[in-house]
Amino acid sequence: MGKQSLNLTDEYGFVHSYSISTAANGIGFEEGSYCTPIGNFTIAEKHGHGAEPFTIFRGRLPVGVYDSAESSDIDHVLTRILWLDGLDDENANTKERYIYIHGTNQEEKIGSPASCGCIRMNNADIIDLYDRVDVGVAVTIKL
């Protein structure tokens, strides 16, 4: 499998590419499957505007800042959150599953499947993407 990426486009075409990490468990739509859904989505909500890089979010609220000098097996949601809402019948439960595009404390795993269902990005990249997109922007996930 090649490196995983997220491509940002606009009405004129390609804008930028970011390395990402999708679910270690592969593609799936069921609650509790820890799989990444595919299909058509929209960005339903954005969280973390102005938050310090490596800010830890729980329930989309900031609870501290991750110390990148420490190692952790926890799949933290860091820096920014783009909360996805599924538009297709099979992925309509995406928002209820809390599937996000977010920063991670496991940046070394970016580029290959390793998440618990969300799409993880390098923290600098999620800040850049967050600043470029608005609520309501269309997202297509193909694996």
C-alpha atoms as a PDB file:
ATOM      1  CA  MET A   1       0.000   0.000   0.000  1.00  0.00           C
ATOM      2  CA  GLY A   2       1.256   3.492  -0.829  1.00  0.00           C
ATOM      3  CA  LYS A   3       1.490   6.348   1.612  1.00  0.00           C
ATOM      4  CA  GLN A   4      -1.860   7.709   2.723  1.00  0.00           C
ATOM      5  CA  SER A   5      -2.658  11.295   1.803  1.00  0.00           C
ATOM      6  CA  LEU A   6      -5.361  13.938   1.932  1.00  0.00           C
ATOM      7  CA  ASN A   7      -5.612  16.153  -1.139  1.00  0.00           C
ATOM      8  CA  LEU A   8      -7.116  19.612  -0.811  1.00  0.00           C
ATOM      9  CA  THR A   9      -8.764  20.949  -3.955  1.00  0.00           C
ATOM     10  CA  ASP A  10     -10.799  23.988  -4.862  1.00  0.00           C
ATOM     11  CA  GLU A  11     -12.862  25.000  -7.890  1.00  0.00           C
ATOM     12  CA  TYR A  12      -9.629  25.323  -9.916  1.00  0.00           C
ATOM     13  CA  GLY A  13      -8.183  21.931  -8.945  1.00  0.00           C
ATOM     14  CA  PHE A  14      -5.354  20.692  -6.741  1.00  0.00           C
ATOM     15  CA  VAL A  15      -4.201  22.988  -3.904  1.00  0.00           C
ATOM     16  CA  HIS A  16      -2.117  20.932  -1.451  1.00  0.00           C
ATOM     17  CA  SER A  17      -1.422  17.372  -0.290  1.00  0.00           C
ATOM     18  CA  TYR A  18      -0.983  16.246   3.336  1.00  0.00           C
ATOM     19  CA  SER A  19       0.181  12.900   4.727  1.00  0.00           C
ATOM     20  CA  ILE A  20      -2.443  11.230   6.921  1.00  0.00           C
ATOM     21  CA  SER A  21      -3.176   8.061   8.848  1.00  0.00           C
ATOM     22  CA  THR A  22      -6.515   6.244   8.687  1.00  0.00           C
ATOM     23  CA  ALA A  23      -7.744   3.319  10.798  1.00  0.00           C
ATOM     24  CA  ALA A  24      -5.528   0.361  11.582  1.00  0.00           C
ATOM     25  CA  ASN A  25      -8.740  -1.719  11.324  1.00  0.00           C
ATOM     26  CA  GLY A  26      -9.427  -0.603   7.740  1.00  0.00           C
ATOM     27  CA  ILE A  27     -12.695   0.559   6.216  1.00  0.00           C
ATOM     28  CA  GLY A  28     -15.976   0.248   8.084  1.00  0.00           C
ATOM     29  CA  PHE A  29     -19.167   1.942   9.130  1.00  0.00           C
ATOM     30  CA  GLU A  30     -20.268   0.209  12.342  1.00  0.00           C
ATOM     31  CA  GLU A  31     -20.205   1.895  15.741  1.00  0.00           C
ATOM     32  CA  GLY A  32     -17.323   0.530  17.810  1.00  0.00           C
ATOM     33  CA  SER A  33     -15.518  -0.957  14.792  1.00  0.00           C
ATOM     34  CA  TYR A  34     -12.585   1.496  15.018  1.00  0.00           C
ATOM     35  CA  CYS A  35     -12.703   1.651  11.219  1.00  0.00           C
ATOM     36  CA  THR A  36     -12.550   4.681   8.926  1.00  0.00           C
ATOM     37  CA  PRO A  37     -15.718   5.228   6.877  1.00  0.00           C
ATOM     38  CA  ILE A  38     -15.473   6.056   3.184  1.00  0.00           C
ATOM     39  CA  GLY A  39     -17.745   8.041   0.883  1.00  0.00           C
ATOM     40  CA  ASN A  40     -19.060  11.592   0.905  1.00  0.00           C
ATOM     41  CA  PHE A  41     -18.976  13.841   3.945  1.00  0.00           C
ATOM     42  CA  THR A  42     -19.162  17.437   5.028  1.00  0.00           C
ATOM     43  CA  ILE A  43     -17.246  19.249   7.728  1.00  0.00           C
ATOM     44  CA  ALA A  44     -19.992  19.621  10.330  1.00  0.00           C
ATOM     45  CA  GLU A  45     -18.021  21.475  13.004  1.00  0.00           C
ATOM     46  CA  LYS A  46     -14.562  22.922  13.625  1.00  0.00           C
ATOM     47  CA  HIS A  47     -12.968  22.967  17.089  1.00  0.00           C
ATOM     48  CA  GLY A  48      -9.702  24.369  18.389  1.00  0.00           C
ATOM     49  CA  HIS A  49      -9.417  27.764  16.713  1.00  0.00           C
ATOM     50  CA  GLY A  50      -6.359  29.490  18.145  1.00  0.00           C
ATOM     51  CA  ALA A  51      -5.432  26.602  20.440  1.00  0.00           C
ATOM     52  CA  GLU A  52      -1.747  25.987  21.052  1.00  0.00           C
ATOM     53  CA  PRO A  53      -0.254  23.165  18.943  1.00  0.00           C
ATOM     54  CA  PHE A  54      -0.474  19.812  20.775  1.00  0.00           C
ATOM     55  CA  THR A  55      -3.520  20.943  22.804  1.00  0.00           C
ATOM     56  CA  ILE A  56      -5.317  17.799  23.996  1.00  0.00           C
ATOM     57  CA  PHE A  57      -9.070  17.690  23.347  1.00  0.00           C
ATOM     58  CA  ARG A  58     -11.575  15.479  25.157  1.00  0.00           C
ATOM     59  CA  GLY A  59     -15.183  15.853  24.141  1.00  0.00           C
ATOM     60  CA  ARG A  60     -13.918  18.609  21.804  1.00  0.00           C
ATOM     61  CA  LEU A  61     -12.849  20.712  24.805  1.00  0.00           C
ATOM     62  CA  PRO A  62      -9.212  21.610  25.554  1.00  0.00           C
ATOM     63  CA  VAL A  63      -7.891  19.823  28.654  1.00  0.00           C
ATOM     64  CA  GLY A  64      -4.151  20.495  28.500  1.00  0.00           C
ATOM     65  CA  VAL A  65      -1.126  20.382  26.235  1.00  0.00           C
ATOM     66  CA  TYR A  66       0.614  17.164  25.256  1.00  0.00           C
ATOM     67  CA  ASP A  67       4.299  16.984  26.115  1.00  0.00           C
ATOM     68  CA  SER A  68       5.876  15.687  22.908  1.00  0.00           C
ATOM     69  CA  ALA A  69       8.957  14.597  24.888  1.00  0.00           C
ATOM     70  CA  GLU A  70       6.797  11.916  26.541  1.00  0.00           C
ATOM     71  CA  SER A  71       5.684   8.725  24.844  1.00  0.00           C
ATOM     72  CA  SER A  72       2.068   7.575  25.031  1.00  0.00           C
ATOM     73  CA  ASP A  73       0.081   4.700  23.539  1.00  0.00           C
ATOM     74  CA  ILE A  74      -3.097   6.766  23.919  1.00  0.00           C
ATOM     75  CA  ASP A  75      -4.512   7.995  20.583  1.00  0.00           C
ATOM     76  CA  HIS A  76      -4.888  11.639  21.650  1.00  0.00           C
ATOM     77  CA  VAL A  77      -6.975  14.126  19.683  1.00  0.00           C
ATOM     78  CA  LEU A  78      -4.655  17.115  19.356  1.00  0.00           C
ATOM     79  CA  THR A  79      -4.400  20.674  18.027  1.00  0.00           C
ATOM     80  CA  ARG A  80      -7.543  21.023  15.837  1.00  0.00           C
ATOM     81  CA  ILE A  81     -10.690  19.026  15.068  1.00  0.00           C
ATOM     82  CA  LEU A  82     -12.663  18.864  11.832  1.00  0.00           C
ATOM     83  CA  TRP A  83     -15.777  16.838  12.731  1.00  0.00           C
ATOM     84  CA  LEU A  84     -17.174  14.892   9.778  1.00  0.00           C
ATOM     85  CA  ASP A  85     -20.827  14.201   8.984  1.00  0.00           C
ATOM     86  CA  GLY A  86     -21.639  11.417   6.514  1.00  0.00           C
ATOM     87  CA  LEU A  87     -23.849  12.174   3.521  1.00  0.00           C
ATOM     88  CA  ASP A  88     -24.289   8.620   2.201  1.00  0.00           C
ATOM     89  CA  ASP A  89     -26.677   5.994   3.591  1.00  0.00           C
ATOM     90  CA  GLU A  90     -23.830   3.719   4.706  1.00  0.00           C
ATOM     91  CA  ASN A  91     -21.840   6.501   6.461  1.00  0.00           C
ATOM     92  CA  ALA A  92     -24.771   8.487   7.860  1.00  0.00           C
ATOM     93  CA  ASN A  93     -23.685   7.577  11.430  1.00  0.00           C
ATOM     94  CA  THR A  94     -20.236   9.182  11.035  1.00  0.00           C
ATOM     95  CA  LYS A  95     -20.943  12.220  13.215  1.00  0.00           C
ATOM     96  CA  GLU A  96     -22.451  10.019  15.951  1.00  0.00           C
ATOM     97  CA  ARG A  97     -19.266   7.895  15.770  1.00  0.00           C
ATOM     98  CA  TYR A  98     -17.177  11.032  16.412  1.00  0.00           C
ATOM     99  CA  ILE A  99     -15.059  10.603  13.302  1.00  0.00           C
ATOM    100  CA  TYR A 100     -12.696  13.565  13.041  1.00  0.00           C
ATOM    101  CA  ILE A 101      -9.752  14.833  11.087  1.00  0.00           C
ATOM    102  CA  HIS A 102      -7.347  15.822  13.880  1.00  0.00           C
ATOM    103  CA  GLY A 103      -3.747  16.187  15.008  1.00  0.00           C
ATOM    104  CA  THR A 104      -1.974  13.312  16.730  1.00  0.00           C
ATOM    105  CA  ASN A 105       0.693  12.506  19.285  1.00  0.00           C
ATOM    106  CA  GLN A 106       1.830   9.641  17.046  1.00  0.00           C
ATOM    107  CA  GLU A 107       3.171  11.624  14.101  1.00  0.00           C
ATOM    108  CA  GLU A 108       5.719   8.889  13.343  1.00  0.00           C
ATOM    109  CA  LYS A 109       2.808   6.689  12.163  1.00  0.00           C
ATOM    110  CA  ILE A 110       1.500   9.235   9.662  1.00  0.00           C
ATOM    111  CA  GLY A 111       1.452   7.791   6.162  1.00  0.00           C
ATOM    112  CA  SER A 112       0.135   4.342   7.091  1.00  0.00           C
ATOM    113  CA  PRO A 113      -3.057   2.992   8.701  1.00  0.00           C
ATOM    114  CA  ALA A 114      -2.722   3.342  12.478  1.00  0.00           C
ATOM    115  CA  SER A 115      -5.657   5.324  13.919  1.00  0.00           C
ATOM    116  CA  CYS A 116      -8.717   4.211  15.869  1.00  0.00           C
ATOM    117  CA  GLY A 117     -11.045   5.310  13.037  1.00  0.00           C
ATOM    118  CA  CYS A 118     -10.370   9.013  12.619  1.00  0.00           C
ATOM    119  CA  ILE A 119      -8.067  10.614  10.096  1.00  0.00           C
ATOM    120  CA  ARG A 120      -4.904  11.712  11.887  1.00  0.00           C
ATOM    121  CA  MET A 121      -2.548  14.408  10.636  1.00  0.00           C
ATOM    122  CA  ASN A 122       0.710  16.023  11.668  1.00  0.00           C
ATOM    123  CA  ASN A 123      -0.085  18.893  14.009  1.00  0.00           C
ATOM    124  CA  ALA A 124       1.355  21.609  11.756  1.00  0.00           C
ATOM    125  CA  ASP A 125      -0.644  20.189   8.831  1.00  0.00           C
ATOM    126  CA  ILE A 126      -3.984  20.131  10.669  1.00  0.00           C
ATOM    127  CA  ILE A 127      -3.486  23.786  11.603  1.00  0.00           C
ATOM    128  CA  ASP A 128      -2.839  24.609   7.948  1.00  0.00           C
ATOM    129  CA  LEU A 129      -5.851  22.596   6.723  1.00  0.00           C
ATOM    130  CA  TYR A 130      -8.117  23.970   9.482  1.00  0.00           C
ATOM    131  CA  ASP A 131      -7.269  27.516   8.410  1.00  0.00           C
ATOM    132  CA  ARG A 132      -8.040  26.730   4.739  1.00  0.00           C
ATOM    133  CA  VAL A 133     -11.480  25.083   5.083  1.00  0.00           C
ATOM    134  CA  ASP A 134     -14.872  26.134   6.415  1.00  0.00           C
ATOM    135  CA  VAL A 135     -17.802  24.313   7.975  1.00  0.00           C
ATOM    136  CA  GLY A 136     -19.853  22.807   5.155  1.00  0.00           C
ATOM    137  CA  VAL A 137     -16.884  21.970   2.919  1.00  0.00           C
ATOM    138  CA  ALA A 138     -17.296  18.678   1.054  1.00  0.00           C
ATOM    139  CA  VAL A 139     -14.934  15.807   1.915  1.00  0.00           C
ATOM    140  CA  THR A 140     -14.573  12.544  -0.015  1.00  0.00           C
ATOM    141  CA  ILE A 141     -12.755   9.623   1.583  1.00  0.00           C
ATOM    142  CA  LYS A 142     -11.450   6.908  -0.731  1.00  0.00           C
ATOM    143  CA  LEU A 143      -9.097   4.188   0.444  1.00  0.00           C
END
